[in-house]
C-alpha atoms as a PDB file:
ATOM      1  CA  UNK A   1       0.002  -0.160   0.085  1.00  0.00           C
ATOM      2  CA  UNK A   2       2.645   2.452   0.733  1.00  0.00           C
ATOM      3  CA  UNK A   3       4.125   1.648  -2.574  1.00  0.00           C
ATOM      4  CA  UNK A   4       0.851   3.253  -4.181  1.00  0.00           C
ATOM      5  CA  UNK A   5       1.066   6.199  -2.028  1.00  0.00           C
ATOM      6  CA  UNK A   6       4.783   6.889  -3.483  1.00  0.00           C
ATOM      7  CA  UNK A   7       3.632   6.816  -6.865  1.00  0.00           C
ATOM      8  CA  UNK A   8       0.958   9.134  -5.824  1.00  0.00           C
ATOM      9  CA  UNK A   9       3.497  11.810  -4.690  1.00  0.00           C
ATOM     10  CA  UNK A  10       5.705  11.485  -7.421  1.00  0.00           C
ATOM     11  CA  UNK A  11       2.972  11.990 -10.280  1.00  0.00           C
ATOM     12  CA  UNK A  12       4.008  14.728 -12.637  1.00  0.00           C
ATOM     13  CA  UNK A  13       1.444  17.448 -13.617  1.00  0.00           C
ATOM     14  CA  UNK A  14       0.721  20.771 -15.149  1.00  0.00           C
ATOM     15  CA  UNK A  15       0.234  23.806 -12.800  1.00  0.00           C
ATOM     16  CA  UNK A  16      -1.576  26.596 -14.224  1.00  0.00           C
ATOM     17  CA  UNK A  17      -0.537  29.284 -11.713  1.00  0.00           C
ATOM     18  CA  UNK A  18       2.153  28.945  -9.040  1.00  0.00           C
ATOM     19  CA  UNK A  19       1.980  30.915  -5.980  1.00  0.00           C
ATOM     20  CA  UNK A  20       5.070  33.210  -5.897  1.00  0.00           C
ATOM     21  CA  UNK A  21       8.470  32.564  -3.790  1.00  0.00           C
ATOM     22  CA  UNK A  22      10.820  34.226  -3.129  1.00  0.00           C
ATOM     23  CA  UNK A  23      14.694  34.484  -1.365  1.00  0.00           C
ATOM     24  CA  UNK A  24      16.249  37.494  -0.641  1.00  0.00           C
ATOM     25  CA  UNK A  25      20.038  36.987  -0.778  1.00  0.00           C
ATOM     26  CA  UNK A  26      20.731  37.333  -5.088  1.00  0.00           C
ATOM     27  CA  UNK A  27      24.307  35.248  -3.611  1.00  0.00           C
ATOM     28  CA  UNK A  28      24.138  32.221  -1.342  1.00  0.00           C
ATOM     29  CA  UNK A  29      27.345  30.447   0.031  1.00  0.00           C
ATOM     30  CA  UNK A  30      27.553  26.989   2.055  1.00  0.00           C
ATOM     31  CA  UNK A  31      26.640  27.835   5.591  1.00  0.00           C
ATOM     32  CA  UNK A  32      24.419  30.754   4.780  1.00  0.00           C
ATOM     33  CA  UNK A  33      21.189  30.637   6.750  1.00  0.00           C
ATOM     34  CA  UNK A  34      18.331  32.253   4.771  1.00  0.00           C
ATOM     35  CA  UNK A  35      14.970  33.006   3.983  1.00  0.00           C
ATOM     36  CA  UNK A  36      12.288  31.029   2.217  1.00  0.00           C
ATOM     37  CA  UNK A  37       8.664  32.743   1.102  1.00  0.00           C
ATOM     38  CA  UNK A  38       6.227  30.861  -0.468  1.00  0.00           C
ATOM     39  CA  UNK A  39       2.898  33.111  -1.139  1.00  0.00           C
ATOM     40  CA  UNK A  40      -0.287  32.224  -2.886  1.00  0.00           C
ATOM     41  CA  UNK A  41      -3.476  34.056  -3.522  1.00  0.00           C
ATOM     42  CA  UNK A  42      -7.422  32.381  -4.067  1.00  0.00           C
ATOM     43  CA  UNK A  43      -8.737  29.202  -2.934  1.00  0.00           C
ATOM     44  CA  UNK A  44      -7.762  27.983  -6.141  1.00  0.00           C
ATOM     45  CA  UNK A  45      -4.313  26.794  -4.373  1.00  0.00           C
ATOM     46  CA  UNK A  46      -4.197  24.177  -1.218  1.00  0.00           C
ATOM     47  CA  UNK A  47      -2.713  21.879   0.515  1.00  0.00           C
ATOM     48  CA  UNK A  48       0.788  24.205   0.441  1.00  0.00           C
ATOM     49  CA  UNK A  49       3.277  21.703   2.011  1.00  0.00           C
ATOM     50  CA  UNK A  50       6.889  22.253   3.591  1.00  0.00           C
ATOM     51  CA  UNK A  51       8.610  19.704   5.776  1.00  0.00           C
ATOM     52  CA  UNK A  52      11.080  20.616   8.444  1.00  0.00           C
ATOM     53  CA  UNK A  53      14.571  18.371   8.514  1.00  0.00           C
ATOM     54  CA  UNK A  54      17.664  17.710   6.747  1.00  0.00           C
ATOM     55  CA  UNK A  55      17.380  16.643   3.156  1.00  0.00           C
ATOM     56  CA  UNK A  56      19.952  14.339   1.146  1.00  0.00           C
ATOM     57  CA  UNK A  57      20.885  14.712  -2.781  1.00  0.00           C
ATOM     58  CA  UNK A  58      23.546  11.654  -2.605  1.00  0.00           C
ATOM     59  CA  UNK A  59      22.267   9.526   0.688  1.00  0.00           C
ATOM     60  CA  UNK A  60      25.227  10.191   2.080  1.00  0.00           C
ATOM     61  CA  UNK A  61      26.010  13.474   3.736  1.00  0.00           C
ATOM     62  CA  UNK A  62      22.945  15.978   4.301  1.00  0.00           C
ATOM     63  CA  UNK A  63      22.809  18.914   1.206  1.00  0.00           C
ATOM     64  CA  UNK A  64      20.724  21.409   3.415  1.00  0.00           C
ATOM     65  CA  UNK A  65      18.194  21.688   6.338  1.00  0.00           C
ATOM     66  CA  UNK A  66      15.113  23.340   6.830  1.00  0.00           C
ATOM     67  CA  UNK A  67      15.541  24.438  10.266  1.00  0.00           C
ATOM     68  CA  UNK A  68      12.371  26.344  11.007  1.00  0.00           C
ATOM     69  CA  UNK A  69       9.295  26.673   9.496  1.00  0.00           C
ATOM     70  CA  UNK A  70       6.260  29.457   9.858  1.00  0.00           C
ATOM     71  CA  UNK A  71       2.995  29.118   8.209  1.00  0.00           C
ATOM     72  CA  UNK A  72       0.542  31.862   8.053  1.00  0.00           C
ATOM     73  CA  UNK A  73      -2.767  31.827   6.115  1.00  0.00           C
ATOM     74  CA  UNK A  74      -1.463  32.273   2.545  1.00  0.00           C
ATOM     75  CA  UNK A  75       2.457  32.001   3.258  1.00  0.00           C
ATOM     76  CA  UNK A  76       5.027  30.301   4.450  1.00  0.00           C
ATOM     77  CA  UNK A  77       7.865  31.295   5.740  1.00  0.00           C
ATOM     78  CA  UNK A  78      11.861  29.063   6.081  1.00  0.00           C
ATOM     79  CA  UNK A  79      14.740  29.210   6.946  1.00  0.00           C
ATOM     80  CA  UNK A  80      17.182  27.280   5.306  1.00  0.00           C
ATOM     81  CA  UNK A  81      20.926  26.123   5.408  1.00  0.00           C
ATOM     82  CA  UNK A  82      22.774  24.566   2.931  1.00  0.00           C
ATOM     83  CA  UNK A  83      25.824  22.184   3.411  1.00  0.00           C
ATOM     84  CA  UNK A  84      27.311  21.727  -0.361  1.00  0.00           C
ATOM     85  CA  UNK A  85      27.300  23.862  -3.403  1.00  0.00           C
ATOM     86  CA  UNK A  86      25.118  23.399  -6.498  1.00  0.00           C
ATOM     87  CA  UNK A  87      21.747  23.375  -7.834  1.00  0.00           C
ATOM     88  CA  UNK A  88      18.480  22.678  -5.170  1.00  0.00           C
ATOM     89  CA  UNK A  89      15.284  22.592  -5.833  1.00  0.00           C
ATOM     90  CA  UNK A  90      13.104  22.671  -2.295  1.00  0.00           C
ATOM     91  CA  UNK A  91      10.405  19.861  -1.386  1.00  0.00           C
ATOM     92  CA  UNK A  92       7.433  22.235  -1.622  1.00  0.00           C
ATOM     93  CA  UNK A  93       4.348  20.935  -2.941  1.00  0.00           C
ATOM     94  CA  UNK A  94       0.634  22.498  -3.490  1.00  0.00           C
ATOM     95  CA  UNK A  95      -2.133  21.609  -5.191  1.00  0.00           C
ATOM     96  CA  UNK A  96      -4.372  23.877  -7.735  1.00  0.00           C
ATOM     97  CA  UNK A  97      -7.364  22.712  -8.398  1.00  0.00           C
ATOM     98  CA  UNK A  98      -6.650  19.261  -7.264  1.00  0.00           C
ATOM     99  CA  UNK A  99      -3.689  19.129  -9.663  1.00  0.00           C
ATOM    100  CA  UNK A 100      -0.265  18.253  -7.151  1.00  0.00           C
ATOM    101  CA  UNK A 101       2.406  20.670  -8.163  1.00  0.00           C
ATOM    102  CA  UNK A 102       6.573  20.737  -6.825  1.00  0.00           C
ATOM    103  CA  UNK A 103       8.928  23.776  -6.514  1.00  0.00           C
ATOM    104  CA  UNK A 104      10.196  24.846  -9.667  1.00  0.00           C
ATOM    105  CA  UNK A 105      12.447  27.362  -8.131  1.00  0.00           C
ATOM    106  CA  UNK A 106      15.745  26.562  -8.402  1.00  0.00           C
ATOM    107  CA  UNK A 107      18.441  27.885  -5.827  1.00  0.00           C
ATOM    108  CA  UNK A 108      22.286  27.805  -6.764  1.00  0.00           C
ATOM    109  CA  UNK A 109      24.572  27.738  -3.923  1.00  0.00           C
ATOM    110  CA  UNK A 110      28.200  28.633  -4.479  1.00  0.00           C
ATOM    111  CA  UNK A 111      31.572  27.405  -2.722  1.00  0.00           C
ATOM    112  CA  UNK A 112      33.302  29.797   0.217  1.00  0.00           C
ATOM    113  CA  UNK A 113      36.832  27.919  -1.380  1.00  0.00           C
ATOM    114  CA  UNK A 114      38.321  29.447  -4.378  1.00  0.00           C
ATOM    115  CA  UNK A 115      41.286  27.243  -5.078  1.00  0.00           C
ATOM    116  CA  UNK A 116      43.860  29.211  -3.973  1.00  0.00           C
ATOM    117  CA  UNK A 117      44.406  28.223  -0.431  1.00  0.00           C
ATOM    118  CA  UNK A 118      47.777  27.200   0.219  1.00  0.00           C
ATOM    119  CA  UNK A 119      48.185  24.307   2.884  1.00  0.00           C
ATOM    120  CA  UNK A 120      48.949  25.013   6.601  1.00  0.00           C
ATOM    121  CA  UNK A 121      52.159  25.563   7.800  1.00  0.00           C
ATOM    122  CA  UNK A 122      54.132  25.235  11.005  1.00  0.00           C
ATOM    123  CA  UNK A 123      55.384  28.637  12.607  1.00  0.00           C
ATOM    124  CA  UNK A 124      57.154  27.794  15.304  1.00  0.00           C
ATOM    125  CA  UNK A 125      59.779  24.607  15.301  1.00  0.00           C
ATOM    126  CA  UNK A 126      58.941  21.122  17.244  1.00  0.00           C
ATOM    127  CA  UNK A 127      59.603  21.505  20.744  1.00  0.00           C
ATOM    128  CA  UNK A 128      63.375  20.009  21.324  1.00  0.00           C
ATOM    129  CA  UNK A 129      63.717  17.402  24.372  1.00  0.00           C
ATOM    130  CA  UNK A 130      66.847  18.489  26.245  1.00  0.00           C
ATOM    131  CA  UNK A 131      67.805  19.771  28.850  1.00  0.00           C
ATOM    132  CA  UNK A 132      65.121  20.211  31.608  1.00  0.00           C
ATOM    133  CA  UNK A 133      62.421  18.810  29.400  1.00  0.00           C
ATOM    134  CA  UNK A 134      64.407  15.539  28.737  1.00  0.00           C
ATOM    135  CA  UNK A 135      64.479  15.093  32.692  1.00  0.00           C
ATOM    136  CA  UNK A 136      61.025  15.802  33.073  1.00  0.00           C
ATOM    137  CA  UNK A 137      59.917  13.452  30.260  1.00  0.00           C
ATOM    138  CA  UNK A 138      61.931  10.739  32.002  1.00  0.00           C
ATOM    139  CA  UNK A 139      60.599  11.620  35.432  1.00  0.00           C
ATOM    140  CA  UNK A 140      57.168  11.401  33.719  1.00  0.00           C
ATOM    141  CA  UNK A 141      57.596   7.978  31.836  1.00  0.00           C
ATOM    142  CA  UNK A 142      58.874   6.445  35.028  1.00  0.00           C
ATOM    143  CA  UNK A 143      55.980   7.708  37.258  1.00  0.00           C
ATOM    144  CA  UNK A 144      53.292   6.657  34.321  1.00  0.00           C
ATOM    145  CA  UNK A 145      55.199   2.685  34.357  1.00  0.00           C
ATOM    146  CA  UNK A 146      55.423   2.752  37.915  1.00  0.00           C
ATOM    147  CA  UNK A 147      51.236   3.507  38.103  1.00  0.00           C
ATOM    148  CA  UNK A 148      50.678   1.077  35.778  1.00  0.00           C
ATOM    149  CA  UNK A 149      52.733  -1.693  37.311  1.00  0.00           C
ATOM    150  CA  UNK A 150      50.600  -0.471  40.978  1.00  0.00           C
ATOM    151  CA  UNK A 151      46.967  -0.891  39.117  1.00  0.00           C
ATOM    152  CA  UNK A 152      48.204  -4.403  37.274  1.00  0.00           C
ATOM    153  CA  UNK A 153      48.881  -5.683  41.178  1.00  0.00           C
ATOM    154  CA  UNK A 154      46.105  -4.630  42.503  1.00  0.00           C
ATOM    155  CA  UNK A 155      43.869  -6.245  39.721  1.00  0.00           C
ATOM    156  CA  UNK A 156      46.108  -9.837  40.509  1.00  0.00           C
ATOM    157  CA  UNK A 157      45.018  -9.547  44.188  1.00  0.00           C
ATOM    158  CA  UNK A 158      41.378  -8.269  43.076  1.00  0.00           C
ATOM    159  CA  UNK A 159      40.782 -11.573  40.791  1.00  0.00           C
ATOM    160  CA  UNK A 160      42.738 -14.174  43.431  1.00  0.00           C
ATOM    161  CA  UNK A 161      40.210 -13.154  45.918  1.00  0.00           C
ATOM    162  CA  UNK A 162      37.496 -16.073  45.968  1.00  0.00           C
ATOM    163  CA  UNK A 163      34.409 -14.197  45.154  1.00  0.00           C
ATOM    164  CA  UNK A 164      30.441 -15.343  46.835  1.00  0.00           C
ATOM    165  CA  UNK A 165      27.943 -15.316  44.418  1.00  0.00           C
ATOM    166  CA  UNK A 166      23.929 -14.816  46.135  1.00  0.00           C
ATOM    167  CA  UNK A 167      22.033 -16.850  43.348  1.00  0.00           C
ATOM    168  CA  UNK A 168      18.892 -15.310  44.883  1.00  0.00           C
ATOM    169  CA  UNK A 169      20.054 -11.908  44.293  1.00  0.00           C
ATOM    170  CA  UNK A 170      20.660 -12.388  40.510  1.00  0.00           C
ATOM    171  CA  UNK A 171      19.013 -10.618  37.969  1.00  0.00           C
ATOM    172  CA  UNK A 172      17.282 -11.967  35.840  1.00  0.00           C
ATOM    173  CA  UNK A 173      18.031 -11.777  31.935  1.00  0.00           C
ATOM    174  CA  UNK A 174      16.762  -8.729  30.483  1.00  0.00           C
ATOM    175  CA  UNK A 175      14.974  -8.522  26.857  1.00  0.00           C
ATOM    176  CA  UNK A 176      16.473  -6.895  24.150  1.00  0.00           C
ATOM    177  CA  UNK A 177      14.542  -3.412  23.712  1.00  0.00           C
ATOM    178  CA  UNK A 178      13.711  -4.467  20.348  1.00  0.00           C
ATOM    179  CA  UNK A 179      12.153  -7.704  21.437  1.00  0.00           C
ATOM    180  CA  UNK A 180       9.884  -5.251  23.553  1.00  0.00           C
ATOM    181  CA  UNK A 181       8.813  -2.811  20.272  1.00  0.00           C
ATOM    182  CA  UNK A 182       8.317  -6.222  18.387  1.00  0.00           C
ATOM    183  CA  UNK A 183       6.098  -6.947  20.687  1.00  0.00           C
ATOM    184  CA  UNK A 184       3.988  -3.509  21.549  1.00  0.00           C
ATOM    185  CA  UNK A 185       4.080  -3.300  17.416  1.00  0.00           C
ATOM    186  CA  UNK A 186       2.407  -6.689  17.343  1.00  0.00           C
ATOM    187  CA  UNK A 187       0.226  -5.656  19.842  1.00  0.00           C
ATOM    188  CA  UNK A 188      -0.988  -3.024  17.991  1.00  0.00           C
ATOM    189  CA  UNK A 189      -1.654  -4.531  14.952  1.00  0.00           C
ATOM    190  CA  UNK A 190      -4.680  -6.664  17.229  1.00  0.00           C
ATOM    191  CA  UNK A 191      -5.908  -3.525  18.114  1.00  0.00           C
ATOM    192  CA  UNK A 192      -9.792  -2.670  17.382  1.00  0.00           C
ATOM    193  CA  UNK A 193      -8.503   0.622  16.284  1.00  0.00           C
ATOM    194  CA  UNK A 194      -5.662   1.023  13.757  1.00  0.00           C
ATOM    195  CA  UNK A 195      -4.276   4.499  12.193  1.00  0.00           C
ATOM    196  CA  UNK A 196      -2.553   4.442   9.060  1.00  0.00           C
ATOM    197  CA  UNK A 197       0.082   7.439  11.266  1.00  0.00           C
ATOM    198  CA  UNK A 198       0.576   5.573  14.373  1.00  0.00           C
ATOM    199  CA  UNK A 199       1.034   2.123  12.831  1.00  0.00           C
ATOM    200  CA  UNK A 200       4.016   4.249  10.797  1.00  0.00           C
ATOM    201  CA  UNK A 201       5.382   5.489  14.000  1.00  0.00           C
ATOM    202  CA  UNK A 202       5.799   2.160  15.559  1.00  0.00           C
ATOM    203  CA  UNK A 203       7.368   0.373  12.454  1.00  0.00           C
ATOM    204  CA  UNK A 204       9.992   3.484  12.135  1.00  0.00           C
ATOM    205  CA  UNK A 205      11.114   3.036  16.094  1.00  0.00           C
ATOM    206  CA  UNK A 206      10.897  -0.880  15.752  1.00  0.00           C
ATOM    207  CA  UNK A 207      13.140  -0.613  12.401  1.00  0.00           C
ATOM    208  CA  UNK A 208      15.917   2.256  14.087  1.00  0.00           C
ATOM    209  CA  UNK A 209      16.057   0.086  17.375  1.00  0.00           C
ATOM    210  CA  UNK A 210      16.669  -3.370  15.454  1.00  0.00           C
ATOM    211  CA  UNK A 211      19.484  -1.860  12.957  1.00  0.00           C
ATOM    212  CA  UNK A 212      20.678  -0.212  16.023  1.00  0.00           C
ATOM    213  CA  UNK A 213      21.460  -3.464  17.486  1.00  0.00           C
ATOM    214  CA  UNK A 214      22.865  -5.074  14.231  1.00  0.00           C
ATOM    215  CA  UNK A 215      24.786  -2.298  13.432  1.00  0.00           C
ATOM    216  CA  UNK A 216      25.884  -1.942  16.959  1.00  0.00           C
ATOM    217  CA  UNK A 217      25.171   2.781  17.155  1.00  0.00           C
ATOM    218  CA  UNK A 218      22.743   4.418  18.430  1.00  0.00           C
ATOM    219  CA  UNK A 219      20.294   5.340  15.773  1.00  0.00           C
ATOM    220  CA  UNK A 220      17.119   6.059  17.510  1.00  0.00           C
ATOM    221  CA  UNK A 221      17.685  10.385  17.619  1.00  0.00           C
ATOM    222  CA  UNK A 222      18.364   9.848  14.466  1.00  0.00           C
ATOM    223  CA  UNK A 223      15.375  11.353  11.665  1.00  0.00           C
ATOM    224  CA  UNK A 224      13.766   8.690   9.314  1.00  0.00           C
ATOM    225  CA  UNK A 225      16.070  10.403   6.438  1.00  0.00           C
ATOM    226  CA  UNK A 226      19.280  10.469   8.757  1.00  0.00           C
ATOM    227  CA  UNK A 227      18.361   6.695   9.649  1.00  0.00           C
ATOM    228  CA  UNK A 228      17.436   5.305   5.823  1.00  0.00           C
ATOM    229  CA  UNK A 229      21.141   7.076   5.032  1.00  0.00           C
ATOM    230  CA  UNK A 230      22.809   4.911   7.541  1.00  0.00           C
ATOM    231  CA  UNK A 231      21.387   1.894   5.885  1.00  0.00           C
ATOM    232  CA  UNK A 232      22.506   3.107   2.108  1.00  0.00           C
ATOM    233  CA  UNK A 233      25.945   2.929   3.388  1.00  0.00           C
ATOM    234  CA  UNK A 234      26.327   0.074   5.386  1.00  0.00           C
ATOM    235  CA  UNK A 235      23.667  -2.496   4.395  1.00  0.00           C
ATOM    236  CA  UNK A 236      22.747  -4.340   1.037  1.00  0.00           C
ATOM    237  CA  UNK A 237      18.976  -3.167   0.415  1.00  0.00           C
ATOM    238  CA  UNK A 238      18.533  -1.748  -2.270  1.00  0.00           C
ATOM    239  CA  UNK A 239      18.711   2.034  -3.264  1.00  0.00           C
ATOM    240  CA  UNK A 240      14.642   2.312  -4.807  1.00  0.00           C
ATOM    241  CA  UNK A 241      13.337   0.316  -1.522  1.00  0.00           C
ATOM    242  CA  UNK A 242      14.937   2.848   0.835  1.00  0.00           C
ATOM    243  CA  UNK A 243      13.890   5.281  -1.449  1.00  0.00           C
ATOM    244  CA  UNK A 244      10.209   4.517  -1.273  1.00  0.00           C
ATOM    245  CA  UNK A 245      10.186   3.878   2.106  1.00  0.00           C
ATOM    246  CA  UNK A 246      11.639   7.368   3.151  1.00  0.00           C
ATOM    247  CA  UNK A 247       8.452   8.828   0.772  1.00  0.00           C
ATOM    248  CA  UNK A 248       6.099   6.643   2.161  1.00  0.00           C
ATOM    249  CA  UNK A 249       7.118   8.117   5.522  1.00  0.00           C
ATOM    250  CA  UNK A 250       7.518  11.680   5.085  1.00  0.00           C
ATOM    251  CA  UNK A 251       3.851  11.331   3.270  1.00  0.00           C
ATOM    252  CA  UNK A 252       2.279  10.015   6.733  1.00  0.00           C
ATOM    253  CA  UNK A 253       4.130  11.767   9.293  1.00  0.00           C
ATOM    254  CA  UNK A 254       4.173  15.117   8.883  1.00  0.00           C
ATOM    255  CA  UNK A 255       0.800  15.362   6.833  1.00  0.00           C
ATOM    256  CA  UNK A 256      -2.755  15.280   8.465  1.00  0.00           C
ATOM    257  CA  UNK A 257      -3.356  11.987   8.168  1.00  0.00           C
ATOM    258  CA  UNK A 258      -6.533  10.111  10.520  1.00  0.00           C
ATOM    259  CA  UNK A 259      -6.820   6.979   8.471  1.00  0.00           C
ATOM    260  CA  UNK A 260      -8.610   4.163   9.926  1.00  0.00           C
ATOM    261  CA  UNK A 261      -6.947   0.238   8.585  1.00  0.00           C
ATOM    262  CA  UNK A 262      -8.376  -2.939   8.726  1.00  0.00           C
ATOM    263  CA  UNK A 263      -6.753  -5.372  10.337  1.00  0.00           C
ATOM    264  CA  UNK A 264      -5.903  -7.090   7.081  1.00  0.00           C
ATOM    265  CA  UNK A 265      -4.429  -4.399   5.452  1.00  0.00           C
ATOM    266  CA  UNK A 266      -2.331  -3.195   8.563  1.00  0.00           C
ATOM    267  CA  UNK A 267      -0.846  -6.774   8.168  1.00  0.00           C
ATOM    268  CA  UNK A 268      -0.439  -6.069   4.304  1.00  0.00           C
ATOM    269  CA  UNK A 269       1.866  -3.017   4.970  1.00  0.00           C
ATOM    270  CA  UNK A 270       4.085  -4.125   8.219  1.00  0.00           C
ATOM    271  CA  UNK A 271       4.709  -7.327   5.908  1.00  0.00           C
ATOM    272  CA  UNK A 272       5.839  -5.783   2.982  1.00  0.00           C
ATOM    273  CA  UNK A 273       8.395  -3.593   5.101  1.00  0.00           C
ATOM    274  CA  UNK A 274       9.612  -6.152   7.227  1.00  0.00           C
ATOM    275  CA  UNK A 275      10.363  -8.668   3.780  1.00  0.00           C
ATOM    276  CA  UNK A 276      12.243  -5.568   2.379  1.00  0.00           C
ATOM    277  CA  UNK A 277      13.965  -4.417   5.504  1.00  0.00           C
ATOM    278  CA  UNK A 278      14.416  -7.678   7.629  1.00  0.00           C
ATOM    279  CA  UNK A 279      14.580 -10.506   4.715  1.00  0.00           C
END
């Protein structure tokens, strides 16, 4: 089902009258914080959408970040910072008379580097360990060796002592966090009311938890785009599959989606994502 949503979002249509998009700065350089405005009039233009977060062009490092968004009745103002030079199009979309269109405003970002930079050279010569410095260095080495020997001797003494284990007070083994999240997800699939948006959040949290354990790094604090970029770099999951899931998450998490799913449809969505990302 989420693949059908992706195909709908990527459909290209003809725009009869576009909102006005403006960027005050004529020249934009990497690292500049710029303001982007989009204004529209009339009731023909609806569902103007722009989401915060980091956006990736090459799926490795972020190309730009939309840091804040202020929405008014007929205007949206956003603060944007670019991390790499090049030409970019913002992920702005709207509907006019039911036809969806994406922003065609090309933003050209320049590099701060001129190409004439020279390598950094040492100004002062390296310190020569001679005279008092040599004696201090020798003393520091001897002091460090003595402390290491003392620590090792204490470790051997502690290891040689018999240890008493009270089986009554031994802690029960804890379940992996991914096992808990999977259990909560499967319980939610048996609920009487299943919303597509809540299901998407639970699936996203479970995927981040299971890959945090597999890759042995904390991925829980990452956005969906950052998390999927890690999967692109460190797994063999096809690029197309990762890109489709990114669009599916974005379309449901940041829109006002209150759709209620049947248990069969919810199971189908979970089965497809599990097959693509967990094998």
